Amino acid sequence: MKFLIFSMIAIILYFLLFFAKWRKKGWQGFLYTLFYGYVCAIIYLTLLPIPNSWGLEQFDGDYGNFIPFRDLKMGYRGAVKDIILNVVMMLPFGILFPQIRKNRLITTVSAGFLMSVLIECLQLVATVFGSPYHSFDVTDIISNTTGALLGYILFRITTHCIAKDPKNS
């Protein structure tokens, strides 16, 4: 039900704020729409649900993980899976962002890093205010940034191969 409500809000916002402007842009508008959907999915996956109670009474004092790869080093179950999922989550960012902003490697990876930091900081705030669903993890920032980098590399390899293909001449 929460997914349905979030999706409806995202769709309504899309049509109210972006559709008329982006549909005139053809392929570029399609890329903007794809990126918007991607960002909505990231928000849903990383920041929702929002805690029902906004009080500090539930807070147990554990703000999150500030030691890079702590879970992996300590052999926690699921640590490798979490790292892989965080890398995969940001692959589309590294592919789409340079197409809609015409940016190079440093800008794309920096934007991916900033997006990851924003997500983790919002998760930290949610944790402080009692969310049992979120926690700050510096490893996520590293993994997400790596995903943006790998996505950008994949984007460059793909565009290079397409440009070299004689059928595209």
C-alpha atoms as a PDB file:
ATOM      1  CA  MET A   1       0.000   0.000   0.000  1.00  0.00           C
ATOM      2  CA  LYS A   2       2.824   2.416   0.845  1.00  0.00           C
ATOM      3  CA  PHE A   3       4.456   1.657  -2.507  1.00  0.00           C
ATOM      4  CA  LEU A   4       1.197   2.424  -4.302  1.00  0.00           C
ATOM      5  CA  ILE A   5       0.751   5.715  -2.457  1.00  0.00           C
ATOM      6  CA  PHE A   6       4.375   6.726  -3.087  1.00  0.00           C
ATOM      7  CA  SER A   7       4.062   5.797  -6.769  1.00  0.00           C
ATOM      8  CA  MET A   8       0.877   7.815  -7.189  1.00  0.00           C
ATOM      9  CA  ILE A   9       2.485  10.873  -5.572  1.00  0.00           C
ATOM     10  CA  ALA A  10       5.585  10.502  -7.786  1.00  0.00           C
ATOM     11  CA  ILE A  11       3.439  10.181 -10.922  1.00  0.00           C
ATOM     12  CA  ILE A  12       1.271  13.175 -10.014  1.00  0.00           C
ATOM     13  CA  LEU A  13       4.380  15.281  -9.322  1.00  0.00           C
ATOM     14  CA  TYR A  14       5.872  14.145 -12.625  1.00  0.00           C
ATOM     15  CA  PHE A  15       2.836  15.244 -14.611  1.00  0.00           C
ATOM     16  CA  LEU A  16       2.411  18.503 -12.693  1.00  0.00           C
ATOM     17  CA  LEU A  17       6.053  19.582 -12.759  1.00  0.00           C
ATOM     18  CA  PHE A  18       7.923  17.893 -15.602  1.00  0.00           C
ATOM     19  CA  PHE A  19       5.856  16.152 -18.273  1.00  0.00           C
ATOM     20  CA  ALA A  20       4.924  19.182 -20.403  1.00  0.00           C
ATOM     21  CA  LYS A  21       8.484  20.481 -20.424  1.00  0.00           C
ATOM     22  CA  TRP A  22      10.233  17.154 -20.987  1.00  0.00           C
ATOM     23  CA  ARG A  23       7.973  15.690 -23.670  1.00  0.00           C
ATOM     24  CA  LYS A  24       9.061  18.453 -26.061  1.00  0.00           C
ATOM     25  CA  LYS A  25      12.695  17.393 -25.687  1.00  0.00           C
ATOM     26  CA  GLY A  26      12.351  14.036 -27.464  1.00  0.00           C
ATOM     27  CA  TRP A  27      15.103  11.568 -26.533  1.00  0.00           C
ATOM     28  CA  GLN A  28      16.551  13.941 -23.941  1.00  0.00           C
ATOM     29  CA  GLY A  29      13.116  14.217 -22.314  1.00  0.00           C
ATOM     30  CA  PHE A  30      12.897  10.437 -22.212  1.00  0.00           C
ATOM     31  CA  LEU A  31      16.274  10.334 -20.417  1.00  0.00           C
ATOM     32  CA  TYR A  32      15.062  12.971 -17.922  1.00  0.00           C
ATOM     33  CA  THR A  33      11.934  10.887 -17.282  1.00  0.00           C
ATOM     34  CA  LEU A  34      14.002   7.731 -16.845  1.00  0.00           C
ATOM     35  CA  PHE A  35      16.315   9.522 -14.397  1.00  0.00           C
ATOM     36  CA  TYR A  36      13.307  10.896 -12.475  1.00  0.00           C
ATOM     37  CA  GLY A  37      11.892   7.362 -12.142  1.00  0.00           C
ATOM     38  CA  TYR A  38      15.287   6.096 -11.039  1.00  0.00           C
ATOM     39  CA  VAL A  39      15.611   8.792  -8.358  1.00  0.00           C
ATOM     40  CA  CYS A  40      12.083   8.029  -7.144  1.00  0.00           C
ATOM     41  CA  ALA A  41      13.016   4.347  -6.840  1.00  0.00           C
ATOM     42  CA  ILE A  42      16.149   5.276  -4.869  1.00  0.00           C
ATOM     43  CA  ILE A  43      14.096   7.460  -2.518  1.00  0.00           C
ATOM     44  CA  TYR A  44      11.606   4.655  -1.995  1.00  0.00           C
ATOM     45  CA  LEU A  45      14.266   2.008  -1.403  1.00  0.00           C
ATOM     46  CA  THR A  46      16.538   4.031   0.872  1.00  0.00           C
ATOM     47  CA  LEU A  47      14.372   6.515   2.756  1.00  0.00           C
ATOM     48  CA  LEU A  48      10.962   4.947   3.168  1.00  0.00           C
ATOM     49  CA  PRO A  49       9.156   4.086   5.264  1.00  0.00           C
ATOM     50  CA  ILE A  50       9.319   7.274   7.242  1.00  0.00           C
ATOM     51  CA  PRO A  51       9.053   6.623  10.983  1.00  0.00           C
ATOM     52  CA  ASN A  52       5.579   6.986  12.479  1.00  0.00           C
ATOM     53  CA  SER A  53       6.945   8.391  15.725  1.00  0.00           C
ATOM     54  CA  TRP A  54       9.198  11.452  15.615  1.00  0.00           C
ATOM     55  CA  GLY A  55      10.463  11.208  19.167  1.00  0.00           C
ATOM     56  CA  LEU A  56      13.863  10.357  20.571  1.00  0.00           C
ATOM     57  CA  GLU A  57      12.395   7.853  23.016  1.00  0.00           C
ATOM     58  CA  GLN A  58      13.012   4.942  20.624  1.00  0.00           C
ATOM     59  CA  PHE A  59      16.611   5.873  19.890  1.00  0.00           C
ATOM     60  CA  ASP A  60      19.120   3.357  21.260  1.00  0.00           C
ATOM     61  CA  GLY A  61      22.257   5.478  20.757  1.00  0.00           C
ATOM     62  CA  ASP A  62      23.614   3.572  17.746  1.00  0.00           C
ATOM     63  CA  TYR A  63      23.957   6.183  15.029  1.00  0.00           C
ATOM     64  CA  GLY A  64      25.257   3.709  12.444  1.00  0.00           C
ATOM     65  CA  ASN A  65      28.530   2.506  11.034  1.00  0.00           C
ATOM     66  CA  PHE A  66      31.304   5.074  10.632  1.00  0.00           C
ATOM     67  CA  ILE A  67      34.092   2.521  10.048  1.00  0.00           C
ATOM     68  CA  PRO A  68      34.572   1.584   6.367  1.00  0.00           C
ATOM     69  CA  PHE A  69      33.821  -2.088   5.646  1.00  0.00           C
ATOM     70  CA  ARG A  70      33.349  -2.887   9.357  1.00  0.00           C
ATOM     71  CA  ASP A  71      30.591  -5.408   8.636  1.00  0.00           C
ATOM     72  CA  LEU A  72      32.728  -7.158   6.040  1.00  0.00           C
ATOM     73  CA  LYS A  73      35.797  -7.255   8.313  1.00  0.00           C
ATOM     74  CA  MET A  74      33.741  -8.634  11.197  1.00  0.00           C
ATOM     75  CA  GLY A  75      32.194 -11.311   9.000  1.00  0.00           C
ATOM     76  CA  TYR A  76      28.601 -10.164   9.392  1.00  0.00           C
ATOM     77  CA  ARG A  77      26.130 -12.169   7.388  1.00  0.00           C
ATOM     78  CA  GLY A  78      24.892 -10.214   4.405  1.00  0.00           C
ATOM     79  CA  ALA A  79      27.796  -7.740   4.298  1.00  0.00           C
ATOM     80  CA  VAL A  80      28.959  -8.787   0.825  1.00  0.00           C
ATOM     81  CA  LYS A  81      25.371  -8.759  -0.463  1.00  0.00           C
ATOM     82  CA  ASP A  82      24.830  -5.228   0.923  1.00  0.00           C
ATOM     83  CA  ILE A  83      27.989  -3.968  -0.778  1.00  0.00           C
ATOM     84  CA  ILE A  84      27.019  -5.532  -4.103  1.00  0.00           C
ATOM     85  CA  LEU A  85      23.466  -4.178  -3.900  1.00  0.00           C
ATOM     86  CA  ASN A  86      24.746  -0.674  -3.135  1.00  0.00           C
ATOM     87  CA  VAL A  87      27.109  -0.809  -6.115  1.00  0.00           C
ATOM     88  CA  VAL A  88      24.310  -2.071  -8.382  1.00  0.00           C
ATOM     89  CA  MET A  89      21.902   0.571  -7.048  1.00  0.00           C
ATOM     90  CA  MET A  90      24.141   3.379  -8.329  1.00  0.00           C
ATOM     91  CA  LEU A  91      25.103   1.853 -11.698  1.00  0.00           C
ATOM     92  CA  PRO A  92      22.141   3.550 -13.421  1.00  0.00           C
ATOM     93  CA  PHE A  93      23.233   6.875 -11.938  1.00  0.00           C
ATOM     94  CA  GLY A  94      26.637   6.552 -13.601  1.00  0.00           C
ATOM     95  CA  ILE A  95      24.973   5.662 -16.895  1.00  0.00           C
ATOM     96  CA  LEU A  96      22.135   8.215 -16.944  1.00  0.00           C
ATOM     97  CA  PHE A  97      23.667  11.266 -15.265  1.00  0.00           C
ATOM     98  CA  PRO A  98      26.347  11.969 -17.903  1.00  0.00           C
ATOM     99  CA  GLN A  99      23.719  11.644 -20.624  1.00  0.00           C
ATOM    100  CA  ILE A 100      21.346  14.210 -19.165  1.00  0.00           C
ATOM    101  CA  ARG A 101      24.017  16.604 -17.879  1.00  0.00           C
ATOM    102  CA  LYS A 102      26.748  16.009 -20.486  1.00  0.00           C
ATOM    103  CA  ASN A 103      29.262  15.605 -17.681  1.00  0.00           C
ATOM    104  CA  ARG A 104      32.571  13.869 -17.485  1.00  0.00           C
ATOM    105  CA  LEU A 105      33.924  11.312 -15.030  1.00  0.00           C
ATOM    106  CA  ILE A 106      34.824  13.558 -12.087  1.00  0.00           C
ATOM    107  CA  THR A 107      31.506  15.425 -12.133  1.00  0.00           C
ATOM    108  CA  THR A 108      29.456  12.240 -12.469  1.00  0.00           C
ATOM    109  CA  VAL A 109      31.294  10.408  -9.684  1.00  0.00           C
ATOM    110  CA  SER A 110      31.203  13.517  -7.461  1.00  0.00           C
ATOM    111  CA  ALA A 111      27.446  13.853  -8.013  1.00  0.00           C
ATOM    112  CA  GLY A 112      27.007  10.152  -7.201  1.00  0.00           C
ATOM    113  CA  PHE A 113      29.064  10.634  -4.042  1.00  0.00           C
ATOM    114  CA  LEU A 114      26.990  13.680  -3.006  1.00  0.00           C
ATOM    115  CA  MET A 115      23.736  11.818  -3.650  1.00  0.00           C
ATOM    116  CA  SER A 116      24.974   8.938  -1.513  1.00  0.00           C
ATOM    117  CA  VAL A 117      26.062  11.254   1.303  1.00  0.00           C
ATOM    118  CA  LEU A 118      22.655  12.966   1.205  1.00  0.00           C
ATOM    119  CA  ILE A 119      20.869   9.609   1.431  1.00  0.00           C
ATOM    120  CA  GLU A 120      23.047   8.428   4.318  1.00  0.00           C
ATOM    121  CA  CYS A 121      22.655  11.721   6.206  1.00  0.00           C
ATOM    122  CA  LEU A 122      18.866  11.539   5.805  1.00  0.00           C
ATOM    123  CA  GLN A 123      18.990   7.956   7.072  1.00  0.00           C
ATOM    124  CA  LEU A 124      21.028   9.163  10.052  1.00  0.00           C
ATOM    125  CA  VAL A 125      18.406  11.805  10.825  1.00  0.00           C
ATOM    126  CA  ALA A 126      15.666   9.178  10.508  1.00  0.00           C
ATOM    127  CA  THR A 127      17.604   6.922  12.898  1.00  0.00           C
ATOM    128  CA  VAL A 128      17.954   9.688  15.463  1.00  0.00           C
ATOM    129  CA  PHE A 129      14.213  10.292  15.256  1.00  0.00           C
ATOM    130  CA  GLY A 130      13.350   6.660  15.900  1.00  0.00           C
ATOM    131  CA  SER A 131      13.311   4.876  12.563  1.00  0.00           C
ATOM    132  CA  PRO A 132      14.068   1.177  12.991  1.00  0.00           C
ATOM    133  CA  TYR A 133      14.379   0.861   9.200  1.00  0.00           C
ATOM    134  CA  HIS A 134      17.357   3.100   8.506  1.00  0.00           C
ATOM    135  CA  SER A 135      20.948   3.493   9.579  1.00  0.00           C
ATOM    136  CA  PHE A 136      23.963   5.458   8.444  1.00  0.00           C
ATOM    137  CA  ASP A 137      26.747   3.363   6.913  1.00  0.00           C
ATOM    138  CA  VAL A 138      29.950   4.820   5.504  1.00  0.00           C
ATOM    139  CA  THR A 139      30.467   1.589   3.548  1.00  0.00           C
ATOM    140  CA  ASP A 140      27.265   2.390   1.648  1.00  0.00           C
ATOM    141  CA  ILE A 141      28.752   5.732   0.575  1.00  0.00           C
ATOM    142  CA  ILE A 142      31.889   3.991  -0.704  1.00  0.00           C
ATOM    143  CA  SER A 143      29.856   1.264  -2.432  1.00  0.00           C
ATOM    144  CA  ASN A 144      27.417   3.735  -3.985  1.00  0.00           C
ATOM    145  CA  THR A 145      30.237   5.930  -5.279  1.00  0.00           C
ATOM    146  CA  THR A 146      31.921   2.858  -6.737  1.00  0.00           C
ATOM    147  CA  GLY A 147      28.640   2.006  -8.454  1.00  0.00           C
ATOM    148  CA  ALA A 148      28.434   5.487  -9.988  1.00  0.00           C
ATOM    149  CA  LEU A 149      32.034   5.119 -11.197  1.00  0.00           C
ATOM    150  CA  LEU A 150      31.401   1.663 -12.701  1.00  0.00           C
ATOM    151  CA  GLY A 151      28.186   2.942 -14.312  1.00  0.00           C
ATOM    152  CA  TYR A 152      30.096   5.805 -15.900  1.00  0.00           C
ATOM    153  CA  ILE A 153      32.774   3.419 -17.187  1.00  0.00           C
ATOM    154  CA  LEU A 154      30.041   1.180 -18.631  1.00  0.00           C
ATOM    155  CA  PHE A 155      28.444   4.243 -20.250  1.00  0.00           C
ATOM    156  CA  ARG A 156      31.752   5.291 -21.843  1.00  0.00           C
ATOM    157  CA  ILE A 157      32.534   1.784 -23.093  1.00  0.00           C
ATOM    158  CA  THR A 158      29.055   1.477 -24.593  1.00  0.00           C
ATOM    159  CA  THR A 159      29.166   4.878 -26.295  1.00  0.00           C
ATOM    160  CA  HIS A 160      32.666   4.121 -27.605  1.00  0.00           C
ATOM    161  CA  CYS A 161      31.520   0.780 -29.071  1.00  0.00           C
ATOM    162  CA  ILE A 162      28.438   2.385 -30.629  1.00  0.00           C
ATOM    163  CA  ALA A 163      30.561   5.157 -32.148  1.00  0.00           C
ATOM    164  CA  LYS A 164      33.003   2.597 -33.642  1.00  0.00           C
ATOM    165  CA  ASP A 165      30.240   0.440 -35.123  1.00  0.00           C
ATOM    166  CA  PRO A 166      30.305   0.912 -38.937  1.00  0.00           C
ATOM    167  CA  LYS A 167      26.490   0.538 -39.050  1.00  0.00           C
ATOM    168  CA  ASN A 168      26.228   3.861 -37.180  1.00  0.00           C
ATOM    169  CA  SER A 169      28.080   5.814 -39.858  1.00  0.00           C
END
